[in-house]
Amino acid sequence: MEILDPVAEAHPPSVPLAARGLDLRGKRLGLLDNSKPNARELLEAVARALDLRYELASVVVRRKPTMSVPATESLLDELARECDVVLTGSGD
């Protein structure tokens, strides 16, 4: 009889963090709501925390029409014009 151990050792690849250095102080923050339940609430909570810490110049909120399709080029272009940094995330 052969006994197999179904547990594998995890060896995730090492991925370096993105370079830091962007100071958010006075920046225009964009929020891209993906239309999932609670996504807007989550993003707005993060924006409030960032505003308290960095005193953002403004917060721009945009919403995709549905979660199942990518944001349109025009929406992404609008965010690029109006914002210095854009956050998106998922609710549920």
C-alpha atoms as a PDB file:
ATOM      1  CA  MET A   1       0.000   0.000   0.000  1.00  0.00           C
ATOM      2  CA  GLU A   2       1.266   3.449  -0.931  1.00  0.00           C
ATOM      3  CA  ILE A   3       0.187   6.443   1.161  1.00  0.00           C
ATOM      4  CA  LEU A   4       0.274   9.820  -0.545  1.00  0.00           C
ATOM      5  CA  ASP A   5       0.523  13.099   1.325  1.00  0.00           C
ATOM      6  CA  PRO A   6      -1.711  15.663  -0.439  1.00  0.00           C
ATOM      7  CA  VAL A   7      -0.048  18.618   1.261  1.00  0.00           C
ATOM      8  CA  ALA A   8       2.346  20.495  -0.963  1.00  0.00           C
ATOM      9  CA  GLU A   9       4.977  22.915   0.210  1.00  0.00           C
ATOM     10  CA  ALA A  10       4.195  26.451  -0.838  1.00  0.00           C
ATOM     11  CA  HIS A  11       6.978  28.383  -2.520  1.00  0.00           C
ATOM     12  CA  PRO A  12       5.373  31.583  -3.790  1.00  0.00           C
ATOM     13  CA  PRO A  13       7.495  33.627  -6.129  1.00  0.00           C
ATOM     14  CA  SER A  14       9.215  36.623  -4.615  1.00  0.00           C
ATOM     15  CA  VAL A  15       7.779  39.820  -6.063  1.00  0.00           C
ATOM     16  CA  PRO A  16       9.341  43.138  -5.094  1.00  0.00           C
ATOM     17  CA  LEU A  17       7.091  45.954  -3.931  1.00  0.00           C
ATOM     18  CA  ALA A  18       6.504  48.878  -6.248  1.00  0.00           C
ATOM     19  CA  ALA A  19       8.824  51.806  -5.675  1.00  0.00           C
ATOM     20  CA  ARG A  20       7.527  54.220  -3.087  1.00  0.00           C
ATOM     21  CA  GLY A  21       8.213  57.904  -3.135  1.00  0.00           C
ATOM     22  CA  LEU A  22       5.002  59.460  -4.334  1.00  0.00           C
ATOM     23  CA  ASP A  23       3.929  61.985  -1.746  1.00  0.00           C
ATOM     24  CA  LEU A  24       0.132  62.141  -1.777  1.00  0.00           C
ATOM     25  CA  ARG A  25       0.056  65.498  -0.010  1.00  0.00           C
ATOM     26  CA  GLY A  26      -2.094  67.876  -2.055  1.00  0.00           C
ATOM     27  CA  LYS A  27      -2.721  65.328  -4.811  1.00  0.00           C
ATOM     28  CA  ARG A  28      -5.991  64.676  -6.657  1.00  0.00           C
ATOM     29  CA  LEU A  29      -7.196  61.169  -5.813  1.00  0.00           C
ATOM     30  CA  GLY A  30      -9.452  59.238  -8.155  1.00  0.00           C
ATOM     31  CA  LEU A  31     -11.693  56.365  -7.096  1.00  0.00           C
ATOM     32  CA  LEU A  32     -12.873  53.917  -9.739  1.00  0.00           C
ATOM     33  CA  ASP A  33     -15.914  52.046  -8.412  1.00  0.00           C
ATOM     34  CA  ASN A  34     -16.256  48.714 -10.228  1.00  0.00           C
ATOM     35  CA  SER A  35     -20.009  48.478  -9.452  1.00  0.00           C
ATOM     36  CA  LYS A  36     -19.676  45.534  -7.074  1.00  0.00           C
ATOM     37  CA  PRO A  37     -21.646  45.692  -3.833  1.00  0.00           C
ATOM     38  CA  ASN A  38     -19.814  47.779  -1.206  1.00  0.00           C
ATOM     39  CA  ALA A  39     -16.983  48.791  -3.566  1.00  0.00           C
ATOM     40  CA  ARG A  40     -17.823  52.494  -3.277  1.00  0.00           C
ATOM     41  CA  GLU A  41     -18.053  52.317   0.508  1.00  0.00           C
ATOM     42  CA  LEU A  42     -14.683  50.570   0.700  1.00  0.00           C
ATOM     43  CA  LEU A  43     -12.981  53.057  -1.619  1.00  0.00           C
ATOM     44  CA  GLU A  44     -14.499  56.067   0.153  1.00  0.00           C
ATOM     45  CA  ALA A  45     -13.301  54.763   3.536  1.00  0.00           C
ATOM     46  CA  VAL A  46      -9.764  54.431   2.156  1.00  0.00           C
ATOM     47  CA  ALA A  47     -10.020  57.921   0.634  1.00  0.00           C
ATOM     48  CA  ARG A  48     -11.088  59.406   3.993  1.00  0.00           C
ATOM     49  CA  ALA A  49      -8.105  57.768   5.710  1.00  0.00           C
ATOM     50  CA  LEU A  50      -5.724  59.017   3.019  1.00  0.00           C
ATOM     51  CA  ASP A  51      -7.205  62.515   3.199  1.00  0.00           C
ATOM     52  CA  LEU A  52      -6.687  62.659   6.967  1.00  0.00           C
ATOM     53  CA  ARG A  53      -3.074  61.605   6.547  1.00  0.00           C
ATOM     54  CA  TYR A  54      -2.097  63.508   3.388  1.00  0.00           C
ATOM     55  CA  GLU A  55      -4.589  66.389   3.025  1.00  0.00           C
ATOM     56  CA  LEU A  56      -5.628  65.546  -0.521  1.00  0.00           C
ATOM     57  CA  ALA A  57      -6.533  68.372  -2.905  1.00  0.00           C
ATOM     58  CA  SER A  58      -9.652  66.548  -4.105  1.00  0.00           C
ATOM     59  CA  VAL A  59     -11.313  63.175  -4.519  1.00  0.00           C
ATOM     60  CA  VAL A  60     -12.922  62.274  -7.849  1.00  0.00           C
ATOM     61  CA  VAL A  61     -15.330  59.312  -7.900  1.00  0.00           C
ATOM     62  CA  ARG A  62     -16.276  57.506 -11.103  1.00  0.00           C
ATOM     63  CA  ARG A  63     -18.223  54.280 -11.552  1.00  0.00           C
ATOM     64  CA  LYS A  64     -18.073  51.592 -14.206  1.00  0.00           C
ATOM     65  CA  PRO A  65     -21.533  50.743 -15.544  1.00  0.00           C
ATOM     66  CA  THR A  66     -21.095  47.069 -14.648  1.00  0.00           C
ATOM     67  CA  MET A  67     -18.514  44.920 -12.897  1.00  0.00           C
ATOM     68  CA  SER A  68     -18.279  42.414 -15.750  1.00  0.00           C
ATOM     69  CA  VAL A  69     -16.659  44.676 -18.359  1.00  0.00           C
ATOM     70  CA  PRO A  70     -13.455  46.732 -18.309  1.00  0.00           C
ATOM     71  CA  ALA A  71     -13.584  50.489 -17.875  1.00  0.00           C
ATOM     72  CA  THR A  72     -13.937  52.337 -21.170  1.00  0.00           C
ATOM     73  CA  GLU A  73     -11.013  54.210 -22.696  1.00  0.00           C
ATOM     74  CA  SER A  74     -12.907  57.480 -22.256  1.00  0.00           C
ATOM     75  CA  LEU A  75     -13.433  56.814 -18.538  1.00  0.00           C
ATOM     76  CA  LEU A  76      -9.756  55.967 -18.056  1.00  0.00           C
ATOM     77  CA  ASP A  77      -8.722  59.040 -20.037  1.00  0.00           C
ATOM     78  CA  GLU A  78     -10.989  61.211 -17.885  1.00  0.00           C
ATOM     79  CA  LEU A  79      -9.449  59.832 -14.695  1.00  0.00           C
ATOM     80  CA  ALA A  80      -5.944  60.351 -16.108  1.00  0.00           C
ATOM     81  CA  ARG A  81      -6.749  64.009 -16.863  1.00  0.00           C
ATOM     82  CA  GLU A  82      -8.455  64.769 -13.549  1.00  0.00           C
ATOM     83  CA  CYS A  83      -6.354  62.757 -11.080  1.00  0.00           C
ATOM     84  CA  ASP A  84      -2.778  62.288  -9.972  1.00  0.00           C
ATOM     85  CA  VAL A  85      -3.462  58.838  -8.469  1.00  0.00           C
ATOM     86  CA  VAL A  86      -6.373  56.427  -8.966  1.00  0.00           C
ATOM     87  CA  LEU A  87      -7.519  53.606  -6.678  1.00  0.00           C
ATOM     88  CA  THR A  88      -9.853  50.815  -7.594  1.00  0.00           C
ATOM     89  CA  GLY A  89     -10.956  47.830  -5.589  1.00  0.00           C
ATOM     90  CA  SER A  90     -13.587  45.250  -5.073  1.00  0.00           C
ATOM     91  CA  GLY A  91     -16.353  45.193  -2.511  1.00  0.00           C
ATOM     92  CA  ASP A  92     -18.640  42.243  -1.698  1.00  0.00           C
END
